[in-house]
Amino acid sequence: APPHGLEGLDGADIVIIPSWHHLGEPASPPLMEALRRAHQRG
């Protein structure tokens, strides 16, 4: 039961994706946006 949703990425200094699944399927748009937003702010 993770205590955070994608909002937990907000303000993070380091964001880690430890693995992935369904490699050929489109990724979740909210996740993609959260990653881009985290990268853009440094």
Full PDB file with SEQRES, HELIX, SHEET, SSBOND, CRYST1, ORIGX, SCALE, CONECT and MASTER records, all heavy atoms in Angstrom:
SEQRES   1 A   42  ALA PRO PRO HIS GLY LEU GLU GLY LEU ASP GLY ALA ASP          
SEQRES   2 A   42  ILE VAL ILE ILE PRO SER TRP HIS HIS LEU GLY GLU PRO          
SEQRES   3 A   42  ALA SER PRO PRO LEU MET GLU ALA LEU ARG ARG ALA HIS          
SEQRES   4 A   42  GLN ARG GLY                                                  
HELIX    1 AA1 LEU A    6  LEU A    9  5                                   4    
HELIX    2 AA2 PRO A   29  GLN A   40  1                                  12    
CRYST1    1.000    1.000    1.000  90.00  90.00  90.00 P 1           1          
ORIGX1      1.000000  0.000000  0.000000        0.00000                         
ORIGX2      0.000000  1.000000  0.000000        0.00000                         
ORIGX3      0.000000  0.000000  1.000000        0.00000                         
SCALE1      1.000000  0.000000  0.000000        0.00000                         
SCALE2      0.000000  1.000000  0.000000        0.00000                         
SCALE3      0.000000  0.000000  1.000000        0.00000                         
ATOM      1  N   ALA A   1       0.854  -1.189   0.000  1.00  0.00           N  
ATOM      2  CA  ALA A   1       0.000   0.000   0.000  1.00  0.00           C  
ATOM      3  C   ALA A   1       0.892   1.241   0.000  1.00  0.00           C  
ATOM      4  O   ALA A   1       1.255   1.758   1.064  1.00  0.00           O  
ATOM      5  CB  ALA A   1      -0.923   0.002   1.210  1.00  0.00           C  
ATOM      6  N   PRO A   2       1.300   1.742  -1.170  1.00  0.00           N  
ATOM      7  CA  PRO A   2       2.154   2.942  -1.223  1.00  0.00           C  
ATOM      8  C   PRO A   2       1.449   4.137  -0.591  1.00  0.00           C  
ATOM      9  O   PRO A   2       0.262   4.378  -0.861  1.00  0.00           O  
ATOM     10  CB  PRO A   2       2.376   3.158  -2.721  1.00  0.00           C  
ATOM     11  CG  PRO A   2       2.151   1.808  -3.336  1.00  0.00           C  
ATOM     12  CD  PRO A   2       1.059   1.194  -2.517  1.00  0.00           C  
ATOM     13  N   PRO A   3       2.146   4.890   0.236  1.00  0.00           N  
ATOM     14  CA  PRO A   3       1.513   6.037   0.901  1.00  0.00           C  
ATOM     15  C   PRO A   3       1.310   7.245   0.002  1.00  0.00           C  
ATOM     16  O   PRO A   3       0.629   8.193   0.388  1.00  0.00           O  
ATOM     17  CB  PRO A   3       2.494   6.365   2.036  1.00  0.00           C  
ATOM     18  CG  PRO A   3       3.806   5.860   1.547  1.00  0.00           C  
ATOM     19  CD  PRO A   3       3.513   4.655   0.709  1.00  0.00           C  
ATOM     20  N   HIS A   4       1.914   7.238  -1.192  1.00  0.00           N  
ATOM     21  CA  HIS A   4       1.819   8.388  -2.081  1.00  0.00           C  
ATOM     22  C   HIS A   4       1.334   7.960  -3.464  1.00  0.00           C  
ATOM     23  O   HIS A   4       1.574   6.842  -3.907  1.00  0.00           O  
ATOM     24  CB  HIS A   4       3.178   9.085  -2.236  1.00  0.00           C  
ATOM     25  CG  HIS A   4       3.774   9.557  -0.957  1.00  0.00           C  
ATOM     26  ND1 HIS A   4       3.427  10.751  -0.368  1.00  0.00           N  
ATOM     27  CD2 HIS A   4       4.702   8.987  -0.141  1.00  0.00           C  
ATOM     28  CE1 HIS A   4       4.115  10.911   0.752  1.00  0.00           C  
ATOM     29  NE2 HIS A   4       4.895   9.849   0.908  1.00  0.00           N  
ATOM     30  N   GLY A   5       0.654   8.895  -4.141  1.00  0.00           N  
ATOM     31  CA  GLY A   5       0.350   8.732  -5.550  1.00  0.00           C  
ATOM     32  C   GLY A   5       1.406   9.483  -6.355  1.00  0.00           C  
ATOM     33  O   GLY A   5       2.496   9.777  -5.849  1.00  0.00           O  
ATOM     34  N   LEU A   6       1.073   9.845  -7.581  1.00  0.00           N  
ATOM     35  CA  LEU A   6       2.035  10.564  -8.410  1.00  0.00           C  
ATOM     36  C   LEU A   6       2.370  11.944  -7.868  1.00  0.00           C  
ATOM     37  O   LEU A   6       3.417  12.513  -8.217  1.00  0.00           O  
ATOM     38  CB  LEU A   6       1.500  10.686  -9.841  1.00  0.00           C  
ATOM     39  CG  LEU A   6       1.477   9.394 -10.660  1.00  0.00           C  
ATOM     40  CD1 LEU A   6       0.876   9.655 -12.037  1.00  0.00           C  
ATOM     41  CD2 LEU A   6       2.873   8.806 -10.784  1.00  0.00           C  
ATOM     42  N   GLU A   7       1.500  12.460  -6.991  1.00  0.00           N  
ATOM     43  CA  GLU A   7       1.816  13.758  -6.399  1.00  0.00           C  
ATOM     44  C   GLU A   7       3.084  13.672  -5.538  1.00  0.00           C  
ATOM     45  O   GLU A   7       3.712  14.689  -5.233  1.00  0.00           O  
ATOM     46  CB  GLU A   7       0.645  14.261  -5.562  1.00  0.00           C  
ATOM     47  CG  GLU A   7       0.472  13.617  -4.193  1.00  0.00           C  
ATOM     48  CD  GLU A   7      -0.141  12.221  -4.244  1.00  0.00           C  
ATOM     49  OE1 GLU A   7      -0.630  11.839  -5.326  1.00  0.00           O  
ATOM     50  OE2 GLU A   7      -0.145  11.533  -3.204  1.00  0.00           O  
ATOM     51  N   GLY A   8       3.480  12.452  -5.148  1.00  0.00           N  
ATOM     52  CA  GLY A   8       4.698  12.271  -4.359  1.00  0.00           C  
ATOM     53  C   GLY A   8       5.958  12.631  -5.122  1.00  0.00           C  
ATOM     54  O   GLY A   8       7.010  12.864  -4.536  1.00  0.00           O  
ATOM     55  N   LEU A   9       5.840  12.703  -6.460  1.00  0.00           N  
ATOM     56  CA  LEU A   9       6.995  13.100  -7.281  1.00  0.00           C  
ATOM     57  C   LEU A   9       7.224  14.608  -7.226  1.00  0.00           C  
ATOM     58  O   LEU A   9       8.323  15.078  -7.527  1.00  0.00           O  
ATOM     59  CB  LEU A   9       6.798  12.673  -8.733  1.00  0.00           C  
ATOM     60  CG  LEU A   9       7.197  11.243  -9.121  1.00  0.00           C  
ATOM     61  CD1 LEU A   9       6.377  10.208  -8.354  1.00  0.00           C  
ATOM     62  CD2 LEU A   9       7.060  11.029 -10.618  1.00  0.00           C  
ATOM     63  N   ASP A  10       6.187  15.347  -6.856  1.00  0.00           N  
ATOM     64  CA  ASP A  10       6.306  16.807  -6.802  1.00  0.00           C  
ATOM     65  C   ASP A  10       7.330  17.206  -5.736  1.00  0.00           C  
ATOM     66  O   ASP A  10       7.252  16.776  -4.585  1.00  0.00           O  
ATOM     67  CB  ASP A  10       4.948  17.441  -6.476  1.00  0.00           C  
ATOM     68  CG  ASP A  10       3.924  17.206  -7.575  1.00  0.00           C  
ATOM     69  OD1 ASP A  10       4.353  16.949  -8.708  1.00  0.00           O  
ATOM     70  OD2 ASP A  10       2.717  17.271  -7.286  1.00  0.00           O  
ATOM     71  N   GLY A  11       8.282  18.003  -6.123  1.00  0.00           N  
ATOM     72  CA  GLY A  11       9.294  18.466  -5.183  1.00  0.00           C  
ATOM     73  C   GLY A  11      10.431  17.493  -4.944  1.00  0.00           C  
ATOM     74  O   GLY A  11      11.359  17.799  -4.190  1.00  0.00           O  
ATOM     75  N   ALA A  12      10.386  16.305  -5.577  1.00  0.00           N  
ATOM     76  CA  ALA A  12      11.427  15.308  -5.343  1.00  0.00           C  
ATOM     77  C   ALA A  12      12.754  15.754  -5.948  1.00  0.00           C  
ATOM     78  O   ALA A  12      12.790  16.346  -7.031  1.00  0.00           O  
ATOM     79  CB  ALA A  12      11.017  13.957  -5.928  1.00  0.00           C  
ATOM     80  N   ASP A  13      13.836  15.472  -5.238  1.00  0.00           N  
ATOM     81  CA  ASP A  13      15.172  15.756  -5.749  1.00  0.00           C  
ATOM     82  C   ASP A  13      15.631  14.656  -6.702  1.00  0.00           C  
ATOM     83  O   ASP A  13      16.359  14.917  -7.659  1.00  0.00           O  
ATOM     84  CB  ASP A  13      16.165  15.871  -4.591  1.00  0.00           C  
ATOM     85  CG  ASP A  13      15.828  17.017  -3.659  1.00  0.00           C  
ATOM     86  OD1 ASP A  13      16.218  18.156  -3.971  1.00  0.00           O  
ATOM     87  OD2 ASP A  13      15.160  16.773  -2.641  1.00  0.00           O  
ATOM     88  N   ILE A  14      15.225  13.431  -6.407  1.00  0.00           N  
ATOM     89  CA  ILE A  14      15.567  12.282  -7.240  1.00  0.00           C  
ATOM     90  C   ILE A  14      14.303  11.455  -7.443  1.00  0.00           C  
ATOM     91  O   ILE A  14      13.601  11.125  -6.479  1.00  0.00           O  
ATOM     92  CB  ILE A  14      16.662  11.408  -6.591  1.00  0.00           C  
ATOM     93  CG1 ILE A  14      17.930  12.231  -6.339  1.00  0.00           C  
ATOM     94  CG2 ILE A  14      16.983  10.199  -7.459  1.00  0.00           C  
ATOM     95  CD1 ILE A  14      19.015  11.480  -5.580  1.00  0.00           C  
ATOM     96  N   VAL A  15      14.018  11.114  -8.704  1.00  0.00           N  
ATOM     97  CA  VAL A  15      12.879  10.261  -9.038  1.00  0.00           C  
ATOM     98  C   VAL A  15      13.427   8.973  -9.647  1.00  0.00           C  
ATOM     99  O   VAL A  15      14.170   9.005 -10.620  1.00  0.00           O  
ATOM    100  CB  VAL A  15      11.928  10.946 -10.040  1.00  0.00           C  
ATOM    101  CG1 VAL A  15      10.818   9.989 -10.470  1.00  0.00           C  
ATOM    102  CG2 VAL A  15      11.336  12.210  -9.419  1.00  0.00           C  
ATOM    103  N   ILE A  16      13.068   7.848  -9.046  1.00  0.00           N  
ATOM    104  CA  ILE A  16      13.612   6.558  -9.478  1.00  0.00           C  
ATOM    105  C   ILE A  16      12.500   5.650  -9.999  1.00  0.00           C  
ATOM    106  O   ILE A  16      11.494   5.431  -9.316  1.00  0.00           O  
ATOM    107  CB  ILE A  16      14.342   5.850  -8.321  1.00  0.00           C  
ATOM    108  CG1 ILE A  16      15.479   6.739  -7.788  1.00  0.00           C  
ATOM    109  CG2 ILE A  16      14.895   4.492  -8.770  1.00  0.00           C  
ATOM    110  CD1 ILE A  16      16.192   6.178  -6.576  1.00  0.00           C  
ATOM    111  N   ILE A  17      12.698   5.132 -11.213  1.00  0.00           N  
ATOM    112  CA  ILE A  17      11.807   4.123 -11.783  1.00  0.00           C  
ATOM    113  C   ILE A  17      12.572   2.797 -11.708  1.00  0.00           C  
ATOM    114  O   ILE A  17      13.481   2.549 -12.514  1.00  0.00           O  
ATOM    115  CB  ILE A  17      11.441   4.426 -13.257  1.00  0.00           C  
ATOM    116  CG1 ILE A  17      11.110   5.907 -13.444  1.00  0.00           C  
ATOM    117  CG2 ILE A  17      10.296   3.541 -13.708  1.00  0.00           C  
ATOM    118  CD1 ILE A  17       9.910   6.386 -12.694  1.00  0.00           C  
ATOM    119  N   PRO A  18      12.263   1.926 -10.739  1.00  0.00           N  
ATOM    120  CA  PRO A  18      13.112   0.757 -10.496  1.00  0.00           C  
ATOM    121  C   PRO A  18      12.916  -0.391 -11.480  1.00  0.00           C  
ATOM    122  O   PRO A  18      13.728  -1.322 -11.492  1.00  0.00           O  
ATOM    123  CB  PRO A  18      12.714   0.335  -9.077  1.00  0.00           C  
ATOM    124  CG  PRO A  18      11.300   0.789  -8.933  1.00  0.00           C  
ATOM    125  CD  PRO A  18      11.183   2.057  -9.746  1.00  0.00           C  
ATOM    126  N   SER A  19      11.882  -0.346 -12.280  1.00  0.00           N  
ATOM    127  CA  SER A  19      11.624  -1.388 -13.281  1.00  0.00           C  
ATOM    128  C   SER A  19      10.469  -0.903 -14.142  1.00  0.00           C  
ATOM    129  O   SER A  19      10.031   0.241 -14.021  1.00  0.00           O  
ATOM    130  CB  SER A  19      11.283  -2.719 -12.603  1.00  0.00           C  
ATOM    131  OG  SER A  19      11.121  -3.741 -13.570  1.00  0.00           O  
ATOM    132  N   TRP A  20       9.956  -1.755 -15.026  1.00  0.00           N  
ATOM    133  CA  TRP A  20       8.792  -1.399 -15.819  1.00  0.00           C  
ATOM    134  C   TRP A  20       8.119  -2.675 -16.305  1.00  0.00           C  
ATOM    135  O   TRP A  20       8.687  -3.774 -16.199  1.00  0.00           O  
ATOM    136  CB  TRP A  20       9.155  -0.478 -16.975  1.00  0.00           C  
ATOM    137  CG  TRP A  20       8.002   0.273 -17.565  1.00  0.00           C  
ATOM    138  CD1 TRP A  20       7.581   0.286 -18.849  1.00  0.00           C  
ATOM    139  CD2 TRP A  20       7.090   1.123 -16.847  1.00  0.00           C  
ATOM    140  NE1 TRP A  20       6.479   1.098 -18.982  1.00  0.00           N  
ATOM    141  CE2 TRP A  20       6.151   1.624 -17.759  1.00  0.00           C  
ATOM    142  CE3 TRP A  20       6.984   1.495 -15.503  1.00  0.00           C  
ATOM    143  CZ2 TRP A  20       5.112   2.474 -17.393  1.00  0.00           C  
ATOM    144  CZ3 TRP A  20       5.960   2.345 -15.137  1.00  0.00           C  
ATOM    145  CH2 TRP A  20       5.043   2.819 -16.078  1.00  0.00           C  
ATOM    146  N   HIS A  21       6.889  -2.544 -16.820  1.00  0.00           N  
ATOM    147  CA  HIS A  21       6.155  -3.703 -17.310  1.00  0.00           C  
ATOM    148  C   HIS A  21       5.418  -3.313 -18.585  1.00  0.00           C  
ATOM    149  O   HIS A  21       5.376  -2.154 -18.968  1.00  0.00           O  
ATOM    150  CB  HIS A  21       5.179  -4.199 -16.255  1.00  0.00           C  
ATOM    151  CG  HIS A  21       4.140  -3.164 -15.859  1.00  0.00           C  
ATOM    152  ND1 HIS A  21       2.948  -3.469 -15.284  1.00  0.00           N  
ATOM    153  CD2 HIS A  21       4.147  -1.802 -15.947  1.00  0.00           C  
ATOM    154  CE1 HIS A  21       2.264  -2.365 -15.053  1.00  0.00           C  
ATOM    155  NE2 HIS A  21       2.971  -1.340 -15.441  1.00  0.00           N  
ATOM    156  N   HIS A  22       4.860  -4.313 -19.266  1.00  0.00           N  
ATOM    157  CA  HIS A  22       4.117  -4.062 -20.514  1.00  0.00           C  
ATOM    158  C   HIS A  22       4.929  -3.138 -21.424  1.00  0.00           C  
ATOM    159  O   HIS A  22       4.492  -2.042 -21.788  1.00  0.00           O  
ATOM    160  CB  HIS A  22       2.744  -3.453 -20.217  1.00  0.00           C  
ATOM    161  CG  HIS A  22       1.939  -4.254 -19.228  1.00  0.00           C  
ATOM    162  ND1 HIS A  22       1.775  -5.617 -19.346  1.00  0.00           N  
ATOM    163  CD2 HIS A  22       1.266  -3.888 -18.117  1.00  0.00           C  
ATOM    164  CE1 HIS A  22       1.012  -6.061 -18.340  1.00  0.00           C  
ATOM    165  NE2 HIS A  22       0.701  -5.024 -17.578  1.00  0.00           N  
ATOM    166  N   LEU A  23       6.118  -3.588 -21.777  1.00  0.00           N  
ATOM    167  CA  LEU A  23       7.091  -2.706 -22.425  1.00  0.00           C  
ATOM    168  C   LEU A  23       6.603  -2.097 -23.730  1.00  0.00           C  
ATOM    169  O   LEU A  23       6.979  -0.990 -24.086  1.00  0.00           O  
ATOM    170  CB  LEU A  23       8.388  -3.481 -22.671  1.00  0.00           C  
ATOM    171  CG  LEU A  23       9.036  -4.081 -21.412  1.00  0.00           C  
ATOM    172  CD1 LEU A  23      10.344  -4.757 -21.772  1.00  0.00           C  
ATOM    173  CD2 LEU A  23       9.265  -3.011 -20.351  1.00  0.00           C  
ATOM    174  N   GLY A  24       5.791  -2.827 -24.474  1.00  0.00           N  
ATOM    175  CA  GLY A  24       5.350  -2.318 -25.768  1.00  0.00           C  
ATOM    176  C   GLY A  24       4.063  -1.530 -25.727  1.00  0.00           C  
ATOM    177  O   GLY A  24       3.611  -1.023 -26.760  1.00  0.00           O  
ATOM    178  N   GLU A  25       3.454  -1.406 -24.555  1.00  0.00           N  
ATOM    179  CA  GLU A  25       2.175  -0.709 -24.443  1.00  0.00           C  
ATOM    180  C   GLU A  25       2.378   0.767 -24.082  1.00  0.00           C  
ATOM    181  O   GLU A  25       3.369   1.124 -23.438  1.00  0.00           O  
ATOM    182  CB  GLU A  25       1.292  -1.372 -23.387  1.00  0.00           C  
ATOM    183  CG  GLU A  25       0.912  -2.804 -23.726  1.00  0.00           C  
ATOM    184  CD  GLU A  25       0.023  -3.410 -22.661  1.00  0.00           C  
ATOM    185  OE1 GLU A  25      -0.399  -2.670 -21.738  1.00  0.00           O  
ATOM    186  OE2 GLU A  25      -0.237  -4.626 -22.739  1.00  0.00           O  
ATOM    187  N   PRO A  26       1.466   1.632 -24.483  1.00  0.00           N  
ATOM    188  CA  PRO A  26       1.580   3.057 -24.137  1.00  0.00           C  
ATOM    189  C   PRO A  26       1.594   3.252 -22.626  1.00  0.00           C  
ATOM    190  O   PRO A  26       0.855   2.586 -21.891  1.00  0.00           O  
ATOM    191  CB  PRO A  26       0.329   3.682 -24.754  1.00  0.00           C  
ATOM    192  CG  PRO A  26      -0.080   2.732 -25.834  1.00  0.00           C  
ATOM    193  CD  PRO A  26       0.282   1.359 -25.330  1.00  0.00           C  
ATOM    194  N   ALA A  27       2.458   4.125 -22.154  1.00  0.00           N  
ATOM    195  CA  ALA A  27       2.545   4.400 -20.728  1.00  0.00           C  
ATOM    196  C   ALA A  27       1.426   5.346 -20.304  1.00  0.00           C  
ATOM    197  O   ALA A  27       0.802   6.020 -21.125  1.00  0.00           O  
ATOM    198  CB  ALA A  27       3.905   5.002 -20.395  1.00  0.00           C  
ATOM    199  N   SER A  28       1.171   5.377 -19.012  1.00  0.00           N  
ATOM    200  CA  SER A  28       0.135   6.246 -18.461  1.00  0.00           C  
ATOM    201  C   SER A  28       0.461   7.711 -18.725  1.00  0.00           C  
ATOM    202  O   SER A  28       1.524   8.196 -18.327  1.00  0.00           O  
ATOM    203  CB  SER A  28       0.028   6.008 -16.951  1.00  0.00           C  
ATOM    204  OG  SER A  28      -0.584   7.084 -16.296  1.00  0.00           O  
ATOM    205  N   PRO A  29      -0.432   8.455 -19.406  1.00  0.00           N  
ATOM    206  CA  PRO A  29      -0.180   9.884 -19.659  1.00  0.00           C  
ATOM    207  C   PRO A  29       0.105  10.689 -18.394  1.00  0.00           C  
ATOM    208  O   PRO A  29       1.006  11.531 -18.398  1.00  0.00           O  
ATOM    209  CB  PRO A  29      -1.457  10.348 -20.366  1.00  0.00           C  
ATOM    210  CG  PRO A  29      -1.960   9.111 -21.050  1.00  0.00           C  
ATOM    211  CD  PRO A  29      -1.667   7.997 -20.084  1.00  0.00           C  
ATOM    212  N   PRO A  30      -0.626  10.443 -17.271  1.00  0.00           N  
ATOM    213  CA  PRO A  30      -0.309  11.208 -16.055  1.00  0.00           C  
ATOM    214  C   PRO A  30       1.118  10.952 -15.561  1.00  0.00           C  
ATOM    215  O   PRO A  30       1.783  11.869 -15.090  1.00  0.00           O  
ATOM    216  CB  PRO A  30      -1.345  10.710 -15.040  1.00  0.00           C  
ATOM    217  CG  PRO A  30      -2.499  10.249 -15.876  1.00  0.00           C  
ATOM    218  CD  PRO A  30      -1.873   9.645 -17.095  1.00  0.00           C  
ATOM    219  N   LEU A  31       1.571   9.695 -15.685  1.00  0.00           N  
ATOM    220  CA  LEU A  31       2.937   9.397 -15.266  1.00  0.00           C  
ATOM    221  C   LEU A  31       3.937  10.085 -16.173  1.00  0.00           C  
ATOM    222  O   LEU A  31       4.923  10.673 -15.704  1.00  0.00           O  
ATOM    223  CB  LEU A  31       3.186   7.888 -15.278  1.00  0.00           C  
ATOM    224  CG  LEU A  31       4.639   7.460 -15.055  1.00  0.00           C  
ATOM    225  CD1 LEU A  31       5.148   7.937 -13.713  1.00  0.00           C  
ATOM    226  CD2 LEU A  31       4.792   5.946 -15.187  1.00  0.00           C  
ATOM    227  N   MET A  32       3.717  10.040 -17.480  1.00  0.00           N  
ATOM    228  CA  MET A  32       4.634  10.687 -18.407  1.00  0.00           C  
ATOM    229  C   MET A  32       4.737  12.182 -18.123  1.00  0.00           C  
ATOM    230  O   MET A  32       5.818  12.763 -18.138  1.00  0.00           O  
ATOM    231  CB  MET A  32       4.172  10.458 -19.855  1.00  0.00           C  
ATOM    232  CG  MET A  32       4.152   8.993 -20.297  1.00  0.00           C  
ATOM    233  SD  MET A  32       5.774   8.187 -20.269  1.00  0.00           S  
ATOM    234  CE  MET A  32       5.754   7.379 -18.665  1.00  0.00           C  
ATOM    235  N   GLU A  33       3.606  12.785 -17.853  1.00  0.00           N  
ATOM    236  CA  GLU A  33       3.599  14.211 -17.555  1.00  0.00           C  
ATOM    237  C   GLU A  33       4.313  14.495 -16.243  1.00  0.00           C  
ATOM    238  O   GLU A  33       5.054  15.483 -16.118  1.00  0.00           O  
ATOM    239  CB  GLU A  33       2.157  14.729 -17.486  1.00  0.00           C  
ATOM    240  CG  GLU A  33       2.025  16.219 -17.173  1.00  0.00           C  
ATOM    241  CD  GLU A  33       2.791  17.102 -18.151  1.00  0.00           C  
ATOM    242  OE1 GLU A  33       2.875  16.742 -19.354  1.00  0.00           O  
ATOM    243  OE2 GLU A  33       3.325  18.138 -17.711  1.00  0.00           O  
ATOM    244  N   ALA A  34       4.118  13.616 -15.247  1.00  0.00           N  
ATOM    245  CA  ALA A  34       4.783  13.802 -13.953  1.00  0.00           C  
ATOM    246  C   ALA A  34       6.300  13.697 -14.096  1.00  0.00           C  
ATOM    247  O   ALA A  34       7.056  14.449 -13.470  1.00  0.00           O  
ATOM    248  CB  ALA A  34       4.274  12.773 -12.951  1.00  0.00           C  
ATOM    249  N   LEU A  35       6.770  12.767 -14.937  1.00  0.00           N  
ATOM    250  CA  LEU A  35       8.211  12.622 -15.160  1.00  0.00           C  
ATOM    251  C   LEU A  35       8.776  13.848 -15.879  1.00  0.00           C  
ATOM    252  O   LEU A  35       9.844  14.362 -15.513  1.00  0.00           O  
ATOM    253  CB  LEU A  35       8.497  11.357 -15.975  1.00  0.00           C  
ATOM    254  CG  LEU A  35       8.319  10.024 -15.260  1.00  0.00           C  
ATOM    255  CD1 LEU A  35       8.555   8.863 -16.226  1.00  0.00           C  
ATOM    256  CD2 LEU A  35       9.274   9.918 -14.069  1.00  0.00           C  
ATOM    257  N   ARG A  36       8.055  14.314 -16.900  1.00  0.00           N  
ATOM    258  CA  ARG A  36       8.530  15.500 -17.631  1.00  0.00           C  
ATOM    259  C   ARG A  36       8.563  16.727 -16.712  1.00  0.00           C  
ATOM    260  O   ARG A  36       9.504  17.532 -16.769  1.00  0.00           O  
ATOM    261  CB  ARG A  36       7.619  15.774 -18.833  1.00  0.00           C  
ATOM    262  CG  ARG A  36       7.648  14.678 -19.894  1.00  0.00           C  
ATOM    263  CD  ARG A  36       6.830  15.090 -21.118  1.00  0.00           C  
ATOM    264  NE  ARG A  36       6.549  13.944 -21.965  1.00  0.00           N  
ATOM    265  CZ  ARG A  36       5.373  13.347 -22.070  1.00  0.00           C  
ATOM    266  NH1 ARG A  36       4.319  13.821 -21.392  1.00  0.00           N  
ATOM    267  NH2 ARG A  36       5.219  12.298 -22.859  1.00  0.00           N  
ATOM    268  N   ARG A  37       7.559  16.845 -15.885  1.00  0.00           N  
ATOM    269  CA  ARG A  37       7.491  17.988 -14.980  1.00  0.00           C  
ATOM    270  C   ARG A  37       8.648  17.942 -13.969  1.00  0.00           C  
ATOM    271  O   ARG A  37       9.284  18.963 -13.681  1.00  0.00           O  
ATOM    272  CB  ARG A  37       6.141  17.995 -14.269  1.00  0.00           C  
ATOM    273  CG  ARG A  37       5.862  19.269 -13.473  1.00  0.00           C  
ATOM    274  CD  ARG A  37       4.395  19.365 -13.086  1.00  0.00           C  
ATOM    275  NE  ARG A  37       3.961  18.215 -12.303  1.00  0.00           N  
ATOM    276  CZ  ARG A  37       3.079  17.307 -12.733  1.00  0.00           C  
ATOM    277  NH1 ARG A  37       2.546  17.421 -13.947  1.00  0.00           N  
ATOM    278  NH2 ARG A  37       2.717  16.294 -11.963  1.00  0.00           N  
ATOM    279  N   ALA A  38       8.919  16.751 -13.437  1.00  0.00           N  
ATOM    280  CA  ALA A  38      10.013  16.596 -12.466  1.00  0.00           C  
ATOM    281  C   ALA A  38      11.354  16.913 -13.124  1.00  0.00           C  
ATOM    282  O   ALA A  38      12.204  17.597 -12.543  1.00  0.00           O  
ATOM    283  CB  ALA A  38      10.013  15.176 -11.910  1.00  0.00           C  
ATOM    284  N   HIS A  39      11.532  16.441 -14.337  1.00  0.00           N  
ATOM    285  CA  HIS A  39      12.788  16.700 -15.050  1.00  0.00           C  
ATOM    286  C   HIS A  39      12.940  18.185 -15.362  1.00  0.00           C  
ATOM    287  O   HIS A  39      14.036  18.753 -15.223  1.00  0.00           O  
ATOM    288  CB  HIS A  39      12.820  15.873 -16.341  1.00  0.00           C  
ATOM    289  CG  HIS A  39      14.039  16.093 -17.174  1.00  0.00           C  
ATOM    290  ND1 HIS A  39      14.032  16.862 -18.321  1.00  0.00           N  
ATOM    291  CD2 HIS A  39      15.313  15.667 -17.016  1.00  0.00           C  
ATOM    292  CE1 HIS A  39      15.250  16.882 -18.831  1.00  0.00           C  
ATOM    293  NE2 HIS A  39      16.040  16.166 -18.069  1.00  0.00           N  
ATOM    294  N   GLN A  40      11.875  18.817 -15.754  1.00  0.00           N  
ATOM    295  CA  GLN A  40      11.928  20.237 -16.131  1.00  0.00           C  
ATOM    296  C   GLN A  40      12.307  21.119 -14.951  1.00  0.00           C  
ATOM    297  O   GLN A  40      13.002  22.129 -15.122  1.00  0.00           O  
ATOM    298  CB  GLN A  40      10.574  20.669 -16.705  1.00  0.00           C  
ATOM    299  CG  GLN A  40      10.582  22.061 -17.312  1.00  0.00           C  
ATOM    300  CD  GLN A  40       9.269  22.391 -18.015  1.00  0.00           C  
ATOM    301  OE1 GLN A  40       8.231  21.770 -17.756  1.00  0.00           O  
ATOM    302  NE2 GLN A  40       9.313  23.345 -18.912  1.00  0.00           N  
ATOM    303  N   ARG A  41      11.886  20.756 -13.762  1.00  0.00           N  
ATOM    304  CA  ARG A  41      12.223  21.586 -12.607  1.00  0.00           C  
ATOM    305  C   ARG A  41      13.555  21.197 -11.978  1.00  0.00           C  
ATOM    306  O   ARG A  41      13.954  21.761 -10.952  1.00  0.00           O  
ATOM    307  CB  ARG A  41      11.114  21.528 -11.557  1.00  0.00           C  
ATOM    308  CG  ARG A  41      10.855  20.171 -10.986  1.00  0.00           C  
ATOM    309  CD  ARG A  41       9.875  20.207  -9.817  1.00  0.00           C  
ATOM    310  NE  ARG A  41       9.522  18.872  -9.401  1.00  0.00           N  
ATOM    311  CZ  ARG A  41      10.339  18.049  -8.745  1.00  0.00           C  
ATOM    312  NH1 ARG A  41      11.547  18.447  -8.451  1.00  0.00           N  
ATOM    313  NH2 ARG A  41       9.933  16.842  -8.400  1.00  0.00           N  
ATOM    314  N   GLY A  42      14.264  20.216 -12.583  1.00  0.00           N  
ATOM    315  CA  GLY A  42      15.624  19.940 -12.147  1.00  0.00           C  
ATOM    316  C   GLY A  42      15.848  18.686 -11.345  1.00  0.00           C  
ATOM    317  O   GLY A  42      16.954  18.470 -10.842  1.00  0.00           O  
TER     318      GLY A  42                                                      
MASTER        0    0    0    2    0    0    0    6  317    1    0    4          
END                                                                             
